[in-house]
């Protein structure tokens, strides 16, 4: 699910303005989190009451938000270089 999350985040970052891409990133993160924790991708070895579950998911969220910011910064720099 991490790869799905990052792929959809990258697509949102490329196609949407930064503020909307951040909203989509958080929404996709929540859906992927729910799929792993309680939904179709659920596994009996997953314990949602543990920091071992939540820690990596918060790191993934931070990476996704950073990816959106990075894509936006590259876009702005390219726009500024064009004049």
PDB file of N, CA and C in Angstrom:
ATOM      1  N   UNK A   1       0.823  -1.191   0.000  1.00  0.00           N
ATOM      2  CA  UNK A   1       0.000   0.000   0.000  1.00  0.00           C
ATOM      3  C   UNK A   1       0.865   1.252   0.000  1.00  0.00           C
ATOM      4  N   UNK A   2       2.094   1.154   0.484  1.00  0.00           N
ATOM      5  CA  UNK A   2       2.965   2.334   0.469  1.00  0.00           C
ATOM      6  C   UNK A   2       3.255   2.792  -0.949  1.00  0.00           C
ATOM      7  N   UNK A   3       3.470   1.842  -1.829  1.00  0.00           N
ATOM      8  CA  UNK A   3       3.752   2.189  -3.222  1.00  0.00           C
ATOM      9  C   UNK A   3       2.530   2.821  -3.872  1.00  0.00           C
ATOM     10  N   UNK A   4       1.359   2.302  -3.583  1.00  0.00           N
ATOM     11  CA  UNK A   4       0.123   2.895  -4.103  1.00  0.00           C
ATOM     12  C   UNK A   4      -0.023   4.317  -3.582  1.00  0.00           C
ATOM     13  N   UNK A   5       0.223   4.509  -2.301  1.00  0.00           N
ATOM     14  CA  UNK A   5       0.127   5.835  -1.699  1.00  0.00           C
ATOM     15  C   UNK A   5       1.095   6.804  -2.364  1.00  0.00           C
ATOM     16  N   UNK A   6       2.348   6.414  -2.510  1.00  0.00           N
ATOM     17  CA  UNK A   6       3.334   7.314  -3.094  1.00  0.00           C
ATOM     18  C   UNK A   6       3.062   7.578  -4.573  1.00  0.00           C
ATOM     19  N   UNK A   7       2.595   6.588  -5.296  1.00  0.00           N
ATOM     20  CA  UNK A   7       2.273   6.787  -6.713  1.00  0.00           C
ATOM     21  C   UNK A   7       1.112   7.772  -6.872  1.00  0.00           C
ATOM     22  N   UNK A   8       0.057   7.595  -6.092  1.00  0.00           N
ATOM     23  CA  UNK A   8      -1.078   8.510  -6.186  1.00  0.00           C
ATOM     24  C   UNK A   8      -0.706   9.911  -5.702  1.00  0.00           C
ATOM     25  N   UNK A   9       0.172  10.000  -4.722  1.00  0.00           N
ATOM     26  CA  UNK A   9       0.651  11.299  -4.265  1.00  0.00           C
ATOM     27  C   UNK A   9       1.439  11.999  -5.355  1.00  0.00           C
ATOM     28  N   UNK A  10       2.301  11.275  -6.028  1.00  0.00           N
ATOM     29  CA  UNK A  10       3.082  11.866  -7.120  1.00  0.00           C
ATOM     30  C   UNK A  10       2.172  12.325  -8.254  1.00  0.00           C
ATOM     31  N   UNK A  11       1.194  11.533  -8.602  1.00  0.00           N
ATOM     32  CA  UNK A  11       0.243  11.920  -9.658  1.00  0.00           C
ATOM     33  C   UNK A  11      -0.503  13.182  -9.246  1.00  0.00           C
ATOM     34  N   UNK A  12      -0.960  13.241  -8.010  1.00  0.00           N
ATOM     35  CA  UNK A  12      -1.661  14.441  -7.532  1.00  0.00           C
ATOM     36  C   UNK A  12      -0.738  15.649  -7.548  1.00  0.00           C
ATOM     37  N   UNK A  13       0.512  15.461  -7.155  1.00  0.00           N
ATOM     38  CA  UNK A  13       1.467  16.570  -7.126  1.00  0.00           C
ATOM     39  C   UNK A  13       1.740  17.107  -8.528  1.00  0.00           C
ATOM     40  N   UNK A  14       1.744  16.226  -9.505  1.00  0.00           N
ATOM     41  CA  UNK A  14       2.013  16.648 -10.877  1.00  0.00           C
ATOM     42  C   UNK A  14       0.803  17.296 -11.539  1.00  0.00           C
ATOM     43  N   UNK A  15      -0.392  16.897 -11.169  1.00  0.00           N
ATOM     44  CA  UNK A  15      -1.589  17.356 -11.868  1.00  0.00           C
ATOM     45  C   UNK A  15      -2.372  18.447 -11.155  1.00  0.00           C
ATOM     46  N   UNK A  16      -2.164  18.621  -9.860  1.00  0.00           N
ATOM     47  CA  UNK A  16      -2.983  19.553  -9.080  1.00  0.00           C
ATOM     48  C   UNK A  16      -2.123  20.652  -8.479  1.00  0.00           C
ATOM     49  N   UNK A  17      -2.752  21.770  -8.139  1.00  0.00           N
ATOM     50  CA  UNK A  17      -2.023  22.792  -7.369  1.00  0.00           C
ATOM     51  C   UNK A  17      -1.626  22.243  -6.006  1.00  0.00           C
ATOM     52  N   UNK A  18      -0.631  22.875  -5.389  1.00  0.00           N
ATOM     53  CA  UNK A  18      -0.062  22.347  -4.147  1.00  0.00           C
ATOM     54  C   UNK A  18      -1.096  22.124  -3.053  1.00  0.00           C
ATOM     55  N   UNK A  19      -1.975  23.082  -2.814  1.00  0.00           N
ATOM     56  CA  UNK A  19      -2.928  22.948  -1.714  1.00  0.00           C
ATOM     57  C   UNK A  19      -3.880  21.769  -1.937  1.00  0.00           C
ATOM     58  N   UNK A  20      -4.343  21.596  -3.148  1.00  0.00           N
ATOM     59  CA  UNK A  20      -5.222  20.450  -3.441  1.00  0.00           C
ATOM     60  C   UNK A  20      -4.449  19.143  -3.407  1.00  0.00           C
ATOM     61  N   UNK A  21      -3.219  19.162  -3.857  1.00  0.00           N
ATOM     62  CA  UNK A  21      -2.398  17.947  -3.827  1.00  0.00           C
ATOM     63  C   UNK A  21      -2.150  17.504  -2.392  1.00  0.00           C
ATOM     64  N   UNK A  22      -1.965  18.468  -1.476  1.00  0.00           N
ATOM     65  CA  UNK A  22      -1.805  18.103  -0.070  1.00  0.00           C
ATOM     66  C   UNK A  22      -3.069  17.464   0.474  1.00  0.00           C
ATOM     67  N   UNK A  23      -4.224  18.001   0.116  1.00  0.00           N
ATOM     68  CA  UNK A  23      -5.487  17.407   0.570  1.00  0.00           C
ATOM     69  C   UNK A  23      -5.661  15.994   0.020  1.00  0.00           C
ATOM     70  N   UNK A  24      -5.351  15.822  -1.256  1.00  0.00           N
ATOM     71  CA  UNK A  24      -5.455  14.489  -1.867  1.00  0.00           C
ATOM     72  C   UNK A  24      -4.468  13.539  -1.197  1.00  0.00           C
ATOM     73  N   UNK A  25      -3.287  14.010  -0.884  1.00  0.00           N
ATOM     74  CA  UNK A  25      -2.280  13.179  -0.227  1.00  0.00           C
ATOM     75  C   UNK A  25      -2.778  12.670   1.122  1.00  0.00           C
ATOM     76  N   UNK A  26      -3.342  13.549   1.916  1.00  0.00           N
ATOM     77  CA  UNK A  26      -3.857  13.141   3.220  1.00  0.00           C
ATOM     78  C   UNK A  26      -5.026  12.170   3.060  1.00  0.00           C
ATOM     79  N   UNK A  27      -5.899  12.434   2.083  1.00  0.00           N
ATOM     80  CA  UNK A  27      -7.041  11.543   1.853  1.00  0.00           C
ATOM     81  C   UNK A  27      -6.579  10.157   1.390  1.00  0.00           C
ATOM     82  N   UNK A  28      -5.636  10.110   0.472  1.00  0.00           N
ATOM     83  CA  UNK A  28      -5.119   8.825  -0.019  1.00  0.00           C
ATOM     84  C   UNK A  28      -4.404   8.090   1.111  1.00  0.00           C
ATOM     85  N   UNK A  29      -3.667   8.823   1.939  1.00  0.00           N
ATOM     86  CA  UNK A  29      -2.994   8.217   3.085  1.00  0.00           C
ATOM     87  C   UNK A  29      -4.016   7.566   4.022  1.00  0.00           C
ATOM     88  N   UNK A  30      -5.105   8.280   4.297  1.00  0.00           N
ATOM     89  CA  UNK A  30      -6.136   7.747   5.195  1.00  0.00           C
ATOM     90  C   UNK A  30      -6.788   6.497   4.608  1.00  0.00           C
ATOM     91  N   UNK A  31      -7.040   6.500   3.322  1.00  0.00           N
ATOM     92  CA  UNK A  31      -7.655   5.331   2.680  1.00  0.00           C
ATOM     93  C   UNK A  31      -6.693   4.142   2.717  1.00  0.00           C
ATOM     94  N   UNK A  32      -5.433   4.358   2.371  1.00  0.00           N
ATOM     95  CA  UNK A  32      -4.449   3.268   2.402  1.00  0.00           C
ATOM     96  C   UNK A  32      -4.266   2.748   3.828  1.00  0.00           C
ATOM     97  N   UNK A  33      -4.231   3.653   4.780  1.00  0.00           N
ATOM     98  CA  UNK A  33      -4.127   3.265   6.183  1.00  0.00           C
ATOM     99  C   UNK A  33      -5.307   2.406   6.607  1.00  0.00           C
ATOM    100  N   UNK A  34      -6.500   2.805   6.211  1.00  0.00           N
ATOM    101  CA  UNK A  34      -7.702   2.035   6.559  1.00  0.00           C
ATOM    102  C   UNK A  34      -7.698   0.672   5.877  1.00  0.00           C
ATOM    103  N   UNK A  35      -7.225   0.623   4.637  1.00  0.00           N
ATOM    104  CA  UNK A  35      -7.160  -0.666   3.940  1.00  0.00           C
ATOM    105  C   UNK A  35      -6.244  -1.637   4.677  1.00  0.00           C
ATOM    106  N   UNK A  36      -5.106  -1.155   5.128  1.00  0.00           N
ATOM    107  CA  UNK A  36      -4.149  -2.028   5.809  1.00  0.00           C
ATOM    108  C   UNK A  36      -4.611  -2.357   7.226  1.00  0.00           C
ATOM    109  N   UNK A  37      -5.130  -1.358   7.924  1.00  0.00           N
ATOM    110  CA  UNK A  37      -5.500  -1.562   9.323  1.00  0.00           C
ATOM    111  C   UNK A  37      -6.782  -2.331   9.525  1.00  0.00           C
ATOM    112  N   UNK A  38      -7.781  -2.049   8.671  1.00  0.00           N
ATOM    113  CA  UNK A  38      -9.098  -2.632   8.932  1.00  0.00           C
ATOM    114  C   UNK A  38      -9.800  -3.174   7.692  1.00  0.00           C
ATOM    115  N   UNK A  39      -9.264  -2.929   6.513  1.00  0.00           N
ATOM    116  CA  UNK A  39      -9.988  -3.261   5.293  1.00  0.00           C
ATOM    117  C   UNK A  39      -9.472  -4.468   4.557  1.00  0.00           C
ATOM    118  N   UNK A  40      -9.557  -4.429   3.223  1.00  0.00           N
ATOM    119  CA  UNK A  40      -9.232  -5.590   2.390  1.00  0.00           C
ATOM    120  C   UNK A  40      -7.787  -6.065   2.488  1.00  0.00           C
ATOM    121  N   UNK A  41      -6.874  -5.180   2.794  1.00  0.00           N
ATOM    122  CA  UNK A  41      -5.475  -5.587   2.896  1.00  0.00           C
ATOM    123  C   UNK A  41      -5.110  -5.990   4.322  1.00  0.00           C
ATOM    124  N   UNK A  42      -6.112  -6.184   5.164  1.00  0.00           N
ATOM    125  CA  UNK A  42      -5.894  -6.505   6.565  1.00  0.00           C
ATOM    126  C   UNK A  42      -5.177  -7.832   6.717  1.00  0.00           C
ATOM    127  N   UNK A  43      -4.341  -7.906   7.721  1.00  0.00           N
ATOM    128  CA  UNK A  43      -3.571  -9.098   8.029  1.00  0.00           C
ATOM    129  C   UNK A  43      -3.680  -9.326   9.532  1.00  0.00           C
ATOM    130  N   UNK A  44      -3.784 -10.542   9.948  1.00  0.00           N
ATOM    131  CA  UNK A  44      -3.924 -10.825  11.384  1.00  0.00           C
ATOM    132  C   UNK A  44      -2.677 -10.435  12.166  1.00  0.00           C
ATOM    133  N   UNK A  45      -1.550 -10.260  11.496  1.00  0.00           N
ATOM    134  CA  UNK A  45      -0.323  -9.843  12.162  1.00  0.00           C
ATOM    135  C   UNK A  45      -0.253  -8.332  12.378  1.00  0.00           C
ATOM    136  N   UNK A  46      -1.188  -7.575  11.808  1.00  0.00           N
ATOM    137  CA  UNK A  46      -1.203  -6.119  11.950  1.00  0.00           C
ATOM    138  C   UNK A  46      -1.949  -5.756  13.230  1.00  0.00           C
ATOM    139  N   UNK A  47      -1.287  -4.977  14.068  1.00  0.00           N
ATOM    140  CA  UNK A  47      -1.888  -4.543  15.329  1.00  0.00           C
ATOM    141  C   UNK A  47      -1.982  -3.026  15.318  1.00  0.00           C
ATOM    142  N   UNK A  48      -3.187  -2.522  15.104  1.00  0.00           N
ATOM    143  CA  UNK A  48      -3.376  -1.075  14.964  1.00  0.00           C
ATOM    144  C   UNK A  48      -3.255  -0.319  16.275  1.00  0.00           C
ATOM    145  N   UNK A  49      -3.107  -1.004  17.373  1.00  0.00           N
ATOM    146  CA  UNK A  49      -2.945  -0.339  18.662  1.00  0.00           C
ATOM    147  C   UNK A  49      -1.475  -0.190  19.049  1.00  0.00           C
ATOM    148  N   UNK A  50      -0.583  -0.355  18.086  1.00  0.00           N
ATOM    149  CA  UNK A  50       0.846  -0.342  18.359  1.00  0.00           C
ATOM    150  C   UNK A  50       1.538   0.781  17.596  1.00  0.00           C
ATOM    151  N   UNK A  51       2.587   1.331  18.187  1.00  0.00           N
ATOM    152  CA  UNK A  51       3.394   2.345  17.514  1.00  0.00           C
ATOM    153  C   UNK A  51       4.110   1.748  16.302  1.00  0.00           C
ATOM    154  N   UNK A  52       4.302   0.441  16.320  1.00  0.00           N
ATOM    155  CA  UNK A  52       4.933  -0.235  15.187  1.00  0.00           C
ATOM    156  C   UNK A  52       4.057  -0.106  13.935  1.00  0.00           C
ATOM    157  N   UNK A  53       2.760   0.014  14.124  1.00  0.00           N
ATOM    158  CA  UNK A  53       1.845   0.233  13.002  1.00  0.00           C
ATOM    159  C   UNK A  53       1.798   1.717  12.617  1.00  0.00           C
ATOM    160  N   UNK A  54       1.615   2.583  13.594  1.00  0.00           N
ATOM    161  CA  UNK A  54       1.404   4.006  13.324  1.00  0.00           C
ATOM    162  C   UNK A  54       2.672   4.746  12.925  1.00  0.00           C
ATOM    163  N   UNK A  55       3.799   4.391  13.486  1.00  0.00           N
ATOM    164  CA  UNK A  55       5.055   5.088  13.194  1.00  0.00           C
ATOM    165  C   UNK A  55       5.408   5.128  11.717  1.00  0.00           C
ATOM    166  N   UNK A  56       5.504   3.978  11.069  1.00  0.00           N
ATOM    167  CA  UNK A  56       5.831   3.988   9.648  1.00  0.00           C
ATOM    168  C   UNK A  56       4.780   4.703   8.789  1.00  0.00           C
ATOM    169  N   UNK A  57       3.524   4.638   9.208  1.00  0.00           N
ATOM    170  CA  UNK A  57       2.491   5.322   8.433  1.00  0.00           C
ATOM    171  C   UNK A  57       2.611   6.836   8.550  1.00  0.00           C
ATOM    172  N   UNK A  58       3.007   7.346   9.710  1.00  0.00           N
ATOM    173  CA  UNK A  58       3.232   8.783   9.836  1.00  0.00           C
ATOM    174  C   UNK A  58       4.464   9.212   9.053  1.00  0.00           C
ATOM    175  N   UNK A  59       5.481   8.368   9.032  1.00  0.00           N
ATOM    176  CA  UNK A  59       6.656   8.660   8.212  1.00  0.00           C
ATOM    177  C   UNK A  59       6.271   8.691   6.729  1.00  0.00           C
ATOM    178  N   UNK A  60       5.438   7.758   6.304  1.00  0.00           N
ATOM    179  CA  UNK A  60       4.977   7.742   4.910  1.00  0.00           C
ATOM    180  C   UNK A  60       4.187   9.010   4.593  1.00  0.00           C
ATOM    181  N   UNK A  61       3.364   9.467   5.521  1.00  0.00           N
ATOM    182  CA  UNK A  61       2.620  10.718   5.307  1.00  0.00           C
ATOM    183  C   UNK A  61       3.575  11.889   5.151  1.00  0.00           C
ATOM    184  N   UNK A  62       4.580  11.970   5.989  1.00  0.00           N
ATOM    185  CA  UNK A  62       5.557  13.055   5.885  1.00  0.00           C
ATOM    186  C   UNK A  62       6.317  12.996   4.565  1.00  0.00           C
ATOM    187  N   UNK A  63       6.658  11.804   4.128  1.00  0.00           N
ATOM    188  CA  UNK A  63       7.335  11.651   2.836  1.00  0.00           C
ATOM    189  C   UNK A  63       6.417  12.105   1.709  1.00  0.00           C
ATOM    190  N   UNK A  64       5.145  11.733   1.776  1.00  0.00           N
ATOM    191  CA  UNK A  64       4.193  12.149   0.749  1.00  0.00           C
ATOM    192  C   UNK A  64       4.019  13.653   0.702  1.00  0.00           C
ATOM    193  N   UNK A  65       3.871  14.291   1.855  1.00  0.00           N
ATOM    194  CA  UNK A  65       3.736  15.747   1.896  1.00  0.00           C
ATOM    195  C   UNK A  65       5.010  16.429   1.404  1.00  0.00           C
ATOM    196  N   UNK A  66       6.152  15.859   1.749  1.00  0.00           N
ATOM    197  CA  UNK A  66       7.419  16.385   1.237  1.00  0.00           C
ATOM    198  C   UNK A  66       7.546  16.237  -0.265  1.00  0.00           C
ATOM    199  N   UNK A  67       7.043  15.146  -0.791  1.00  0.00           N
ATOM    200  CA  UNK A  67       7.067  14.920  -2.238  1.00  0.00           C
ATOM    201  C   UNK A  67       6.237  15.985  -2.957  1.00  0.00           C
ATOM    202  N   UNK A  68       5.078  16.306  -2.407  1.00  0.00           N
ATOM    203  CA  UNK A  68       4.241  17.357  -2.996  1.00  0.00           C
ATOM    204  C   UNK A  68       4.982  18.692  -2.960  1.00  0.00           C
ATOM    205  N   UNK A  69       5.605  19.013  -1.837  1.00  0.00           N
ATOM    206  CA  UNK A  69       6.351  20.268  -1.722  1.00  0.00           C
ATOM    207  C   UNK A  69       7.531  20.311  -2.693  1.00  0.00           C
ATOM    208  N   UNK A  70       8.208  19.191  -2.861  1.00  0.00           N
ATOM    209  CA  UNK A  70       9.340  19.123  -3.778  1.00  0.00           C
ATOM    210  C   UNK A  70       8.897  19.335  -5.227  1.00  0.00           C
ATOM    211  N   UNK A  71       7.828  18.675  -5.631  1.00  0.00           N
ATOM    212  CA  UNK A  71       7.318  18.848  -6.994  1.00  0.00           C
ATOM    213  C   UNK A  71       6.901  20.292  -7.210  1.00  0.00           C
ATOM    214  N   UNK A  72       6.258  20.895  -6.217  1.00  0.00           N
ATOM    215  CA  UNK A  72       5.846  22.294  -6.341  1.00  0.00           C
ATOM    216  C   UNK A  72       7.059  23.212  -6.455  1.00  0.00           C
ATOM    217  N   UNK A  73       8.101  22.964  -5.678  1.00  0.00           N
ATOM    218  CA  UNK A  73       9.314  23.788  -5.746  1.00  0.00           C
ATOM    219  C   UNK A  73       9.982  23.679  -7.108  1.00  0.00           C
ATOM    220  N   UNK A  74      10.036  22.481  -7.659  1.00  0.00           N
ATOM    221  CA  UNK A  74      10.626  22.297  -8.988  1.00  0.00           C
ATOM    222  C   UNK A  74       9.795  23.025 -10.036  1.00  0.00           C
ATOM    223  N   UNK A  75       8.481  22.942  -9.936  1.00  0.00           N
ATOM    224  CA  UNK A  75       7.608  23.659 -10.870  1.00  0.00           C
ATOM    225  C   UNK A  75       7.850  25.160 -10.810  1.00  0.00           C
ATOM    226  N   UNK A  76       7.906  25.710  -9.607  1.00  0.00           N
ATOM    227  CA  UNK A  76       8.130  27.153  -9.434  1.00  0.00           C
ATOM    228  C   UNK A  76       9.486  27.577  -9.989  1.00  0.00           C
ATOM    229  N   UNK A  77      10.490  26.780  -9.739  1.00  0.00           N
ATOM    230  CA  UNK A  77      11.834  27.111 -10.243  1.00  0.00           C
ATOM    231  C   UNK A  77      11.856  27.101 -11.765  1.00  0.00           C
ATOM    232  N   UNK A  78      11.206  26.124 -12.368  1.00  0.00           N
ATOM    233  CA  UNK A  78      11.152  26.072 -13.833  1.00  0.00           C
ATOM    234  C   UNK A  78      10.393  27.257 -14.404  1.00  0.00           C
ATOM    235  N   UNK A  79       9.269  27.628 -13.748  1.00  0.00           N
ATOM    236  CA  UNK A  79       8.507  28.790 -14.193  1.00  0.00           C
ATOM    237  C   UNK A  79       9.339  30.053 -14.098  1.00  0.00           C
ATOM    238  N   UNK A  80      10.084  30.212 -13.030  1.00  0.00           N
ATOM    239  CA  UNK A  80      10.923  31.392 -12.840  1.00  0.00           C
ATOM    240  C   UNK A  80      12.054  31.432 -13.857  1.00  0.00           C
ATOM    241  N   UNK A  81      12.583  30.276 -14.223  1.00  0.00           N
ATOM    242  CA  UNK A  81      13.678  30.218 -15.187  1.00  0.00           C
ATOM    243  C   UNK A  81      13.214  30.596 -16.586  1.00  0.00           C
ATOM    244  N   UNK A  82      11.955  30.307 -16.887  1.00  0.00           N
ATOM    245  CA  UNK A  82      11.405  30.662 -18.207  1.00  0.00           C
ATOM    246  C   UNK A  82      11.195  32.163 -18.341  1.00  0.00           C
ATOM    247  N   UNK A  83      11.009  32.808 -17.240  1.00  0.00           N
ATOM    248  CA  UNK A  83      10.885  34.271 -17.284  1.00  0.00           C
ATOM    249  C   UNK A  83       9.540  34.721 -17.037  1.00  0.00           C
TER     250      UNK A  83
END
